[in-house]
């Protein structure tokens, strides 16, 4: 992940870049971020966190994260992205009932009387949920005491502008300027 931190304090820039990367890694979002631009102005106070995601948020289906094949009237699923294993199991239980889903291992399961084509199309994670997770992860990286936040989202770019007090003239414009610059990189 490419991180650019603009801060009035040189030590603060390096430290915050490391902190941001560590937090994103800890909550499992670092792998989704291509580039981050952070502006820290604690004297104003104004904080702008902008990220360009590697891919535009979209619905994830079981077919996106697992191999599904027919075995007679049943279907066999091999999960290829373990992050989605609980979501897959939950969706299969909802659609077919627990009694019809046999989980052989954490990554392999059979579903009785189920079409592989239908299972492949099942949505397990929406793009909107993904965006909420990204925005939430950005909020977790901000200094404590942030009361006011505004979010800009365009395609794969998410920007949060925040302040401890009320937004002053020019604050949102500064955030939007950074956001547009990140969109230009897209």
C-alpha atoms as a PDB file:
ATOM      1  CA  UNK A   1       0.000   0.000   0.000  1.00  0.00           C
ATOM      2  CA  UNK A   2       1.308   3.415  -0.992  1.00  0.00           C
ATOM      3  CA  UNK A   3       0.728   5.916   1.863  1.00  0.00           C
ATOM      4  CA  UNK A   4       1.256   9.672   1.590  1.00  0.00           C
ATOM      5  CA  UNK A   5       0.895  11.626   4.847  1.00  0.00           C
ATOM      6  CA  UNK A   6       0.851  15.414   4.902  1.00  0.00           C
ATOM      7  CA  UNK A   7       1.437  16.719   8.418  1.00  0.00           C
ATOM      8  CA  UNK A   8       2.954  19.775  10.083  1.00  0.00           C
ATOM      9  CA  UNK A   9       5.287  17.461  12.033  1.00  0.00           C
ATOM     10  CA  UNK A  10       7.838  15.276  10.189  1.00  0.00           C
ATOM     11  CA  UNK A  11       7.947  12.660  12.948  1.00  0.00           C
ATOM     12  CA  UNK A  12       4.142  12.660  13.019  1.00  0.00           C
ATOM     13  CA  UNK A  13       3.986  11.886   9.292  1.00  0.00           C
ATOM     14  CA  UNK A  14       6.150   8.787   9.555  1.00  0.00           C
ATOM     15  CA  UNK A  15       4.482   7.613  12.752  1.00  0.00           C
ATOM     16  CA  UNK A  16       0.980   8.098  11.414  1.00  0.00           C
ATOM     17  CA  UNK A  17       1.784   6.308   8.159  1.00  0.00           C
ATOM     18  CA  UNK A  18       2.964   3.305  10.195  1.00  0.00           C
ATOM     19  CA  UNK A  19      -0.041   3.513  12.533  1.00  0.00           C
ATOM     20  CA  UNK A  20      -2.480   3.722   9.609  1.00  0.00           C
ATOM     21  CA  UNK A  21      -0.893   0.734   7.887  1.00  0.00           C
ATOM     22  CA  UNK A  22      -0.857  -1.301  11.121  1.00  0.00           C
ATOM     23  CA  UNK A  23      -4.513  -0.579  11.896  1.00  0.00           C
ATOM     24  CA  UNK A  24      -5.614  -1.406   8.350  1.00  0.00           C
ATOM     25  CA  UNK A  25      -3.633  -4.648   8.512  1.00  0.00           C
ATOM     26  CA  UNK A  26      -5.068  -5.563  11.917  1.00  0.00           C
ATOM     27  CA  UNK A  27      -8.651  -5.156  10.721  1.00  0.00           C
ATOM     28  CA  UNK A  28      -8.001  -6.895   7.411  1.00  0.00           C
ATOM     29  CA  UNK A  29      -8.413  -3.928   5.059  1.00  0.00           C
ATOM     30  CA  UNK A  30      -4.791  -3.242   4.015  1.00  0.00           C
ATOM     31  CA  UNK A  31      -4.973  -5.795   1.204  1.00  0.00           C
ATOM     32  CA  UNK A  32      -7.894  -3.883  -0.336  1.00  0.00           C
ATOM     33  CA  UNK A  33      -6.168  -0.488  -0.427  1.00  0.00           C
ATOM     34  CA  UNK A  34      -3.948   0.526  -3.318  1.00  0.00           C
ATOM     35  CA  UNK A  35      -3.132   4.050  -2.152  1.00  0.00           C
ATOM     36  CA  UNK A  36      -3.850   6.267   0.853  1.00  0.00           C
ATOM     37  CA  UNK A  37      -3.480   9.995   1.293  1.00  0.00           C
ATOM     38  CA  UNK A  38      -3.780  11.448   4.777  1.00  0.00           C
ATOM     39  CA  UNK A  39      -3.752  15.107   5.737  1.00  0.00           C
ATOM     40  CA  UNK A  40      -3.302  15.879   9.425  1.00  0.00           C
ATOM     41  CA  UNK A  41      -3.638  19.462  10.625  1.00  0.00           C
ATOM     42  CA  UNK A  42      -4.237  19.248  14.381  1.00  0.00           C
ATOM     43  CA  UNK A  43      -3.951  23.026  14.812  1.00  0.00           C
ATOM     44  CA  UNK A  44      -7.018  23.759  12.644  1.00  0.00           C
ATOM     45  CA  UNK A  45      -8.140  20.861  13.472  1.00  0.00           C
ATOM     46  CA  UNK A  46      -8.681  19.141  10.110  1.00  0.00           C
ATOM     47  CA  UNK A  47      -8.140  15.492   9.252  1.00  0.00           C
ATOM     48  CA  UNK A  48      -8.582  14.071   5.756  1.00  0.00           C
ATOM     49  CA  UNK A  49      -8.245  10.336   5.094  1.00  0.00           C
ATOM     50  CA  UNK A  50      -8.572   9.303   1.447  1.00  0.00           C
ATOM     51  CA  UNK A  51      -8.067   5.808   0.068  1.00  0.00           C
ATOM     52  CA  UNK A  52      -8.123   4.362  -3.415  1.00  0.00           C
ATOM     53  CA  UNK A  53      -9.302   0.759  -3.304  1.00  0.00           C
ATOM     54  CA  UNK A  54      -7.800  -1.885  -5.556  1.00  0.00           C
ATOM     55  CA  UNK A  55     -11.267  -2.668  -6.886  1.00  0.00           C
ATOM     56  CA  UNK A  56     -14.552  -0.798  -6.949  1.00  0.00           C
ATOM     57  CA  UNK A  57     -16.925  -2.168  -4.311  1.00  0.00           C
ATOM     58  CA  UNK A  58     -19.389  -4.623  -5.816  1.00  0.00           C
ATOM     59  CA  UNK A  59     -21.568  -7.481  -4.673  1.00  0.00           C
ATOM     60  CA  UNK A  60     -19.657 -10.693  -3.960  1.00  0.00           C
ATOM     61  CA  UNK A  61     -21.282 -13.960  -4.921  1.00  0.00           C
ATOM     62  CA  UNK A  62     -20.394 -17.466  -3.813  1.00  0.00           C
ATOM     63  CA  UNK A  63     -19.013 -18.015  -7.327  1.00  0.00           C
ATOM     64  CA  UNK A  64     -16.543 -15.153  -6.755  1.00  0.00           C
ATOM     65  CA  UNK A  65     -14.996 -16.803  -3.689  1.00  0.00           C
ATOM     66  CA  UNK A  66     -15.594 -20.531  -4.166  1.00  0.00           C
ATOM     67  CA  UNK A  67     -15.618 -23.297  -6.737  1.00  0.00           C
ATOM     68  CA  UNK A  68     -19.063 -24.856  -7.162  1.00  0.00           C
ATOM     69  CA  UNK A  69     -19.770 -28.060  -9.069  1.00  0.00           C
ATOM     70  CA  UNK A  70     -22.730 -30.360  -9.535  1.00  0.00           C
ATOM     71  CA  UNK A  71     -22.665 -33.893  -8.169  1.00  0.00           C
ATOM     72  CA  UNK A  72     -25.929 -35.400  -9.376  1.00  0.00           C
ATOM     73  CA  UNK A  73     -28.816 -33.549  -7.721  1.00  0.00           C
ATOM     74  CA  UNK A  74     -26.410 -32.061  -5.167  1.00  0.00           C
ATOM     75  CA  UNK A  75     -23.712 -29.420  -5.333  1.00  0.00           C
ATOM     76  CA  UNK A  76     -20.213 -29.410  -3.884  1.00  0.00           C
ATOM     77  CA  UNK A  77     -18.543 -26.158  -2.800  1.00  0.00           C
ATOM     78  CA  UNK A  78     -14.833 -25.571  -2.208  1.00  0.00           C
ATOM     79  CA  UNK A  79     -14.183 -22.159  -0.669  1.00  0.00           C
ATOM     80  CA  UNK A  80     -11.146 -20.382  -2.128  1.00  0.00           C
ATOM     81  CA  UNK A  81     -11.292 -17.197  -0.019  1.00  0.00           C
ATOM     82  CA  UNK A  82     -11.591 -18.161   3.636  1.00  0.00           C
ATOM     83  CA  UNK A  83     -12.774 -14.684   4.732  1.00  0.00           C
ATOM     84  CA  UNK A  84     -16.164 -15.500   3.261  1.00  0.00           C
ATOM     85  CA  UNK A  85     -16.570 -18.998   4.751  1.00  0.00           C
ATOM     86  CA  UNK A  86     -18.970 -17.902   7.536  1.00  0.00           C
ATOM     87  CA  UNK A  87     -21.038 -15.814   5.085  1.00  0.00           C
ATOM     88  CA  UNK A  88     -21.304 -18.683   2.624  1.00  0.00           C
ATOM     89  CA  UNK A  89     -22.427 -21.119   5.284  1.00  0.00           C
ATOM     90  CA  UNK A  90     -24.971 -18.633   6.630  1.00  0.00           C
ATOM     91  CA  UNK A  91     -26.465 -17.971   3.174  1.00  0.00           C
ATOM     92  CA  UNK A  92     -26.668 -21.697   2.386  1.00  0.00           C
ATOM     93  CA  UNK A  93     -28.435 -22.380   5.691  1.00  0.00           C
ATOM     94  CA  UNK A  94     -30.938 -19.602   4.944  1.00  0.00           C
ATOM     95  CA  UNK A  95     -31.623 -20.857   1.433  1.00  0.00           C
ATOM     96  CA  UNK A  96     -31.554 -24.640   1.928  1.00  0.00           C
ATOM     97  CA  UNK A  97     -31.792 -25.237   5.688  1.00  0.00           C
ATOM     98  CA  UNK A  98     -29.135 -26.624   7.997  1.00  0.00           C
ATOM     99  CA  UNK A  99     -30.160 -30.208   7.380  1.00  0.00           C
ATOM    100  CA  UNK A 100     -29.346 -29.910   3.656  1.00  0.00           C
ATOM    101  CA  UNK A 101     -25.846 -28.462   4.142  1.00  0.00           C
ATOM    102  CA  UNK A 102     -23.085 -30.908   5.067  1.00  0.00           C
ATOM    103  CA  UNK A 103     -19.875 -29.130   6.018  1.00  0.00           C
ATOM    104  CA  UNK A 104     -17.076 -31.663   5.537  1.00  0.00           C
ATOM    105  CA  UNK A 105     -14.194 -29.304   6.338  1.00  0.00           C
ATOM    106  CA  UNK A 106     -13.931 -25.565   6.885  1.00  0.00           C
ATOM    107  CA  UNK A 107     -13.635 -25.107   3.111  1.00  0.00           C
ATOM    108  CA  UNK A 108     -15.634 -28.010   1.642  1.00  0.00           C
ATOM    109  CA  UNK A 109     -19.369 -28.619   1.823  1.00  0.00           C
ATOM    110  CA  UNK A 110     -22.162 -30.403   0.024  1.00  0.00           C
ATOM    111  CA  UNK A 111     -25.659 -29.050  -0.429  1.00  0.00           C
ATOM    112  CA  UNK A 112     -28.389 -31.604  -1.105  1.00  0.00           C
ATOM    113  CA  UNK A 113     -30.856 -30.986  -3.936  1.00  0.00           C
ATOM    114  CA  UNK A 114     -29.251 -27.684  -4.903  1.00  0.00           C
ATOM    115  CA  UNK A 115     -28.334 -26.341  -8.328  1.00  0.00           C
ATOM    116  CA  UNK A 116     -24.681 -25.323  -8.750  1.00  0.00           C
ATOM    117  CA  UNK A 117     -25.813 -22.439 -10.993  1.00  0.00           C
ATOM    118  CA  UNK A 118     -28.153 -21.096  -8.270  1.00  0.00           C
ATOM    119  CA  UNK A 119     -25.491 -21.398  -5.556  1.00  0.00           C
ATOM    120  CA  UNK A 120     -22.891 -19.660  -7.731  1.00  0.00           C
ATOM    121  CA  UNK A 121     -25.165 -16.584  -8.076  1.00  0.00           C
ATOM    122  CA  UNK A 122     -25.969 -16.238  -4.347  1.00  0.00           C
ATOM    123  CA  UNK A 123     -24.853 -12.835  -2.992  1.00  0.00           C
ATOM    124  CA  UNK A 124     -22.842 -13.146   0.226  1.00  0.00           C
ATOM    125  CA  UNK A 125     -21.555  -9.585   0.589  1.00  0.00           C
ATOM    126  CA  UNK A 126     -22.925  -6.396  -0.919  1.00  0.00           C
ATOM    127  CA  UNK A 127     -20.810  -3.542  -2.231  1.00  0.00           C
ATOM    128  CA  UNK A 128     -22.653  -1.243   0.178  1.00  0.00           C
ATOM    129  CA  UNK A 129     -21.618  -3.362   3.173  1.00  0.00           C
ATOM    130  CA  UNK A 130     -18.043  -3.317   1.914  1.00  0.00           C
ATOM    131  CA  UNK A 131     -18.090   0.494   1.674  1.00  0.00           C
ATOM    132  CA  UNK A 132     -19.456   0.735   5.226  1.00  0.00           C
ATOM    133  CA  UNK A 133     -16.595  -1.468   6.409  1.00  0.00           C
ATOM    134  CA  UNK A 134     -14.024   0.732   4.638  1.00  0.00           C
ATOM    135  CA  UNK A 135     -15.525   3.953   6.048  1.00  0.00           C
ATOM    136  CA  UNK A 136     -15.646   2.358   9.517  1.00  0.00           C
ATOM    137  CA  UNK A 137     -12.005   1.326   9.225  1.00  0.00           C
ATOM    138  CA  UNK A 138     -11.044   4.899   8.268  1.00  0.00           C
ATOM    139  CA  UNK A 139     -12.897   6.207  11.326  1.00  0.00           C
ATOM    140  CA  UNK A 140     -10.882   3.817  13.525  1.00  0.00           C
ATOM    141  CA  UNK A 141      -7.623   5.316  12.283  1.00  0.00           C
ATOM    142  CA  UNK A 142      -8.579   8.874  13.188  1.00  0.00           C
ATOM    143  CA  UNK A 143      -7.503  10.596  16.391  1.00  0.00           C
ATOM    144  CA  UNK A 144      -9.972  10.397  19.291  1.00  0.00           C
ATOM    145  CA  UNK A 145     -12.354  13.280  19.808  1.00  0.00           C
ATOM    146  CA  UNK A 146     -13.434  13.596  16.181  1.00  0.00           C
ATOM    147  CA  UNK A 147     -17.052  14.710  16.258  1.00  0.00           C
ATOM    148  CA  UNK A 148     -17.910  15.811  12.737  1.00  0.00           C
ATOM    149  CA  UNK A 149     -17.253  13.726   9.639  1.00  0.00           C
ATOM    150  CA  UNK A 150     -18.191  14.010   6.001  1.00  0.00           C
ATOM    151  CA  UNK A 151     -17.630  11.220   3.474  1.00  0.00           C
ATOM    152  CA  UNK A 152     -17.079  11.435  -0.284  1.00  0.00           C
ATOM    153  CA  UNK A 153     -17.315   8.239  -2.364  1.00  0.00           C
ATOM    154  CA  UNK A 154     -16.652   7.943  -6.100  1.00  0.00           C
ATOM    155  CA  UNK A 155     -15.954   4.520  -7.566  1.00  0.00           C
ATOM    156  CA  UNK A 156     -12.921   3.057  -5.820  1.00  0.00           C
ATOM    157  CA  UNK A 157     -12.076   6.274  -3.904  1.00  0.00           C
ATOM    158  CA  UNK A 158     -13.359   6.896  -0.368  1.00  0.00           C
ATOM    159  CA  UNK A 159     -12.497  10.105   1.504  1.00  0.00           C
ATOM    160  CA  UNK A 160     -13.446  11.106   5.036  1.00  0.00           C
ATOM    161  CA  UNK A 161     -13.052  14.738   6.116  1.00  0.00           C
ATOM    162  CA  UNK A 162     -13.221  15.255   9.874  1.00  0.00           C
ATOM    163  CA  UNK A 163     -12.827  17.898  12.565  1.00  0.00           C
ATOM    164  CA  UNK A 164     -13.192  18.115  16.323  1.00  0.00           C
ATOM    165  CA  UNK A 165     -15.405  21.201  16.122  1.00  0.00           C
ATOM    166  CA  UNK A 166     -17.829  22.526  13.512  1.00  0.00           C
ATOM    167  CA  UNK A 167     -16.761  22.515   9.884  1.00  0.00           C
ATOM    168  CA  UNK A 168     -15.258  25.879   9.019  1.00  0.00           C
ATOM    169  CA  UNK A 169     -15.313  27.443   5.556  1.00  0.00           C
ATOM    170  CA  UNK A 170     -12.864  25.699   3.277  1.00  0.00           C
ATOM    171  CA  UNK A 171     -12.574  22.440   5.258  1.00  0.00           C
ATOM    172  CA  UNK A 172     -14.898  20.406   3.067  1.00  0.00           C
ATOM    173  CA  UNK A 173     -13.417  22.024  -0.028  1.00  0.00           C
ATOM    174  CA  UNK A 174      -9.941  20.912   1.091  1.00  0.00           C
ATOM    175  CA  UNK A 175     -11.236  17.375   1.552  1.00  0.00           C
ATOM    176  CA  UNK A 176     -12.953  17.435  -1.811  1.00  0.00           C
ATOM    177  CA  UNK A 177      -9.744  18.675  -3.460  1.00  0.00           C
ATOM    178  CA  UNK A 178      -7.833  15.684  -2.043  1.00  0.00           C
ATOM    179  CA  UNK A 179     -10.695  13.369  -3.031  1.00  0.00           C
ATOM    180  CA  UNK A 180     -10.711  14.617  -6.635  1.00  0.00           C
ATOM    181  CA  UNK A 181      -6.925  14.240  -6.826  1.00  0.00           C
ATOM    182  CA  UNK A 182      -7.246  10.606  -5.690  1.00  0.00           C
ATOM    183  CA  UNK A 183     -10.033  10.063  -8.257  1.00  0.00           C
ATOM    184  CA  UNK A 184      -7.717  11.478 -10.931  1.00  0.00           C
ATOM    185  CA  UNK A 185      -5.248   8.734 -10.031  1.00  0.00           C
ATOM    186  CA  UNK A 186      -7.998   6.147 -10.578  1.00  0.00           C
END
